[in-house]
Protein backbone atom coordinates (compact mmCIF):
# COMPACT_ATOMS: atom_id res chain seq x y z
CA MET A 1 -19.17 3.88 8.15
CA PHE A 2 -16.30 5.58 9.99
CA PHE A 3 -12.72 5.62 8.74
CA PRO A 4 -10.02 6.67 11.23
CA ILE A 5 -7.42 9.09 9.95
CA ILE A 6 -4.26 9.69 11.99
CA PHE A 7 -2.67 13.12 11.77
CA ARG A 8 0.87 13.39 13.09
CA ILE A 9 1.07 16.26 15.61
CA THR A 10 4.37 15.61 17.37
CA VAL A 11 6.79 12.72 17.67
CA ALA A 12 4.78 11.23 20.56
CA MET A 13 1.24 12.50 20.14
CA TYR A 14 -1.45 11.67 17.54
CA VAL A 15 -5.00 12.85 17.09
CA ILE A 16 -7.52 10.37 15.72
CA VAL A 17 -10.41 11.90 13.84
CA SER A 18 -13.52 9.93 12.76
CA VAL A 19 -14.80 10.83 9.37
CA VAL A 20 -18.35 10.05 8.27
CA SER A 21 -17.26 9.24 4.71
CA PRO A 22 -13.97 8.33 3.00
CA VAL A 23 -11.51 11.12 2.31
CA THR A 24 -12.16 12.35 -1.26
CA ALA A 25 -9.95 15.43 -1.51
CA GLU A 26 -6.22 15.05 -2.21
CA GLN A 27 -4.24 14.97 1.02
CA SER A 28 -0.60 14.48 1.93
CA MET A 29 0.44 12.02 4.58
CA THR A 30 3.61 10.27 5.79
CA VAL A 31 3.60 6.48 5.83
CA TYR A 32 5.86 3.50 6.39
CA LEU A 33 6.14 1.81 2.97
CA THR A 34 7.23 -1.74 2.39
CA GLY A 35 7.01 -3.99 -0.62
CA TYR A 36 5.73 -7.46 -1.28
CA SER A 37 6.50 -9.64 -4.24
CA TYR A 38 5.29 -12.66 -6.17
CA TRP A 39 7.71 -14.69 -4.02
CA ASP A 40 6.48 -13.65 -0.54
CA ASN A 41 2.81 -13.12 -1.33
CA THR A 42 0.17 -15.31 0.27
CA PRO A 43 0.04 -17.89 -1.15
CA ARG A 44 3.76 -17.90 -1.94
CA GLY A 45 4.63 -17.86 -5.63
CA SER A 46 1.41 -16.13 -6.65
CA ALA A 47 -0.01 -12.74 -7.46
CA GLN A 48 -3.42 -13.42 -5.86
CA ILE A 49 -5.16 -10.43 -4.32
CA ALA A 50 -7.99 -10.27 -1.80
CA ARG A 51 -9.98 -7.23 -2.97
CA PRO A 52 -9.70 -6.80 -6.80
CA VAL A 53 -10.77 -3.47 -8.17
CA ILE A 54 -9.16 -3.05 -11.60
CA HIS A 55 -6.72 -5.98 -11.59
CA ARG A 56 -7.55 -9.71 -11.36
CA SER A 57 -4.14 -10.30 -9.75
CA ALA A 58 -1.45 -8.04 -8.25
CA GLY A 59 0.19 -5.83 -10.83
CA GLY A 60 0.08 -2.45 -12.51
CA VAL A 61 2.72 -0.22 -14.02
CA GLY A 62 2.13 2.81 -11.77
CA THR A 63 0.17 5.12 -14.05
CA TYR A 64 -3.13 6.63 -12.90
CA SER A 65 -5.02 4.32 -15.29
CA ASP A 66 -2.99 1.22 -14.35
CA PRO A 67 -1.89 1.78 -10.72
CA VAL A 68 0.19 -0.73 -8.81
CA THR A 69 -1.65 -3.04 -6.36
CA LEU A 70 -1.37 -1.84 -2.76
CA ALA A 71 -2.01 -3.93 0.36
CA VAL A 72 -3.27 -2.33 3.56
CA GLY A 73 -3.80 -3.52 7.11
CA HIS A 74 -7.12 -4.84 8.28
CA GLN A 75 -8.89 -6.16 11.34
CA LYS A 76 -11.20 -9.09 11.93
CA ARG A 77 -14.09 -8.89 14.40
CA GLY A 78 -16.10 -12.06 14.20
CA SER A 79 -17.06 -12.59 10.55
CA ARG A 80 -16.45 -8.92 9.72
CA ASN A 81 -13.19 -7.87 8.06
CA THR A 82 -12.56 -4.11 7.98
CA MET A 83 -9.74 -2.62 5.82
CA ASP A 84 -7.68 0.36 7.07
CA PHE A 85 -8.47 2.08 3.75
CA PRO A 86 -11.37 1.21 1.49
CA LYS A 87 -10.61 -0.91 -1.58
CA GLY A 88 -10.17 1.35 -4.61
CA THR A 89 -8.46 4.11 -2.65
CA ARG A 90 -5.65 5.59 -4.76
CA PHE A 91 -2.29 6.86 -3.61
CA TYR A 92 0.62 8.58 -5.35
CA PHE A 93 4.21 7.91 -4.19
CA PRO A 94 6.43 10.81 -5.33
CA ASN A 95 9.62 9.00 -4.24
CA ILE A 96 9.01 6.16 -6.74
CA ARG A 97 6.71 8.12 -9.06
CA LYS A 98 3.95 5.52 -8.98
CA TYR A 99 0.21 5.56 -8.49
CA ALA A 100 -1.18 2.64 -6.46
CA ILE A 101 -4.63 1.35 -5.66
CA VAL A 102 -5.86 -0.55 -2.60
CA GLU A 103 -6.68 -4.08 -3.81
CA ASP A 104 -5.10 -6.40 -1.26
CA LEU A 105 -4.77 -7.13 2.44
CA CYS A 106 -1.55 -7.00 4.44
CA GLY A 107 -1.39 -9.30 7.43
CA ASP A 108 -2.34 -12.93 7.83
CA GLY A 109 -3.84 -15.17 10.44
CA ASN A 110 -6.86 -14.95 12.72
CA SER A 111 -5.88 -11.62 14.27
CA PRO A 112 -4.26 -9.38 11.60
CA GLN A 113 -5.12 -6.36 13.74
CA ASN A 114 -2.37 -7.48 16.14
CA GLY A 115 0.25 -7.38 13.41
CA PRO A 116 2.30 -4.47 12.09
CA CYS A 117 0.32 -3.85 8.89
CA HIS A 118 -2.72 -2.71 10.92
CA SER A 119 -0.98 -1.26 13.98
CA GLY A 120 1.59 0.61 11.90
CA TYR A 121 5.27 1.37 12.38
CA ASN A 122 6.37 3.87 15.02
CA GLY A 123 3.07 5.71 14.66
CA TYR A 124 3.03 5.72 10.86
CA VAL A 125 0.37 4.04 8.71
CA TRP A 126 1.90 0.91 7.07
CA LEU A 127 1.35 0.42 3.31
CA ASP A 128 2.67 -2.52 1.32
CA ILE A 129 3.17 -2.03 -2.46
CA TYR A 130 3.47 -4.89 -4.95
CA VAL A 131 6.91 -4.99 -6.62
CA GLY A 132 6.30 -8.01 -8.85
CA GLY A 133 9.34 -10.21 -9.35
CA ARG A 134 7.99 -13.21 -11.19
CA LYS A 135 10.16 -12.51 -14.24
CA THR A 136 13.16 -11.05 -12.39
CA GLY A 137 13.41 -13.67 -9.66
CA GLU A 138 13.26 -13.65 -5.89
CA ARG A 139 16.66 -12.02 -5.25
CA VAL A 140 15.93 -9.00 -7.45
CA ALA A 141 12.46 -8.64 -5.93
CA ASN A 142 13.90 -8.82 -2.40
CA ASN A 143 16.52 -6.18 -3.20
CA CYS A 144 13.77 -3.93 -4.57
CA MET A 145 11.64 -4.34 -1.47
CA HIS A 146 14.64 -3.58 0.74
CA ARG A 147 15.42 -0.44 -1.29
CA LEU A 148 12.00 1.15 -1.02
CA THR A 149 11.25 0.28 2.60
CA GLY A 150 11.08 3.30 4.87
CA ILE A 151 9.20 6.43 5.83
CA GLN A 152 7.80 8.24 2.77
CA SER A 153 5.43 11.05 1.94
CA VAL A 154 2.43 10.03 -0.15
CA LEU A 155 -0.71 11.60 -1.54
CA ILE A 156 -4.07 9.96 -0.89
CA ASN A 157 -6.78 10.51 -3.54
CA PRO A 158 -4.26 12.20 -5.87
CA SER A 159 -5.01 14.05 -9.07
CA PRO A 160 -4.15 12.06 -12.23
CA SER A 161 -1.50 14.57 -13.42
CA TYR A 162 1.63 13.59 -11.51
CA ARG A 163 4.86 12.47 -13.17
CA VAL A 164 5.15 8.67 -13.50
CA SER A 165 7.97 6.20 -14.00
CA SER A 166 6.03 3.43 -15.73
CA GLY A 167 6.75 -0.25 -15.32
CA GLU A 168 6.86 -3.01 -12.74
CA LEU A 169 9.04 -1.93 -9.84
CA SER A 170 11.40 -5.00 -9.78
CA GLU A 171 11.71 -5.00 -13.60
CA THR A 172 12.68 -1.31 -13.77
CA GLY A 173 15.34 -1.51 -11.05
CA CYS A 174 13.14 -0.08 -8.28
CA PRO A 175 14.17 3.52 -9.01
CA GLN A 176 13.96 6.24 -6.33
CA PHE A 177 13.60 9.91 -7.22
């Protein structure tokens, strides 16, 4: 199986490299990060996830052993659904001090590959992290999602030793470091 990796070369040029197996060594990359909540999940008012790995529903406190659920873009070709990153891929977000794990899909409908989650944002990979919000309410969750949305550096396949700010993002005030 081939997994495309996009390396940013200049503002307007990208090199796509096919890799025979998933990336296993820690690497840094720059992404466009958004958040999704209990209130805008599909179905609305739920924490359902499409590709469970360690959670039965979206959640996690951001530690290496309990990472936050992360949704990634995907594409449908006939009955085949291919994720932009394999389920179980871990990331570390230094700006919010959270580990996350791919367990969900970002993008709905019959052609998710035509939406922004798969095609990205201005050349950046689009990742969507679960902020929670069931206990805090929709307004607090929306404010949290708005706060963390933007271009951020992340580590893919990180070591388990990075500093963590534990807790659900919307319940902890969505801190940025």
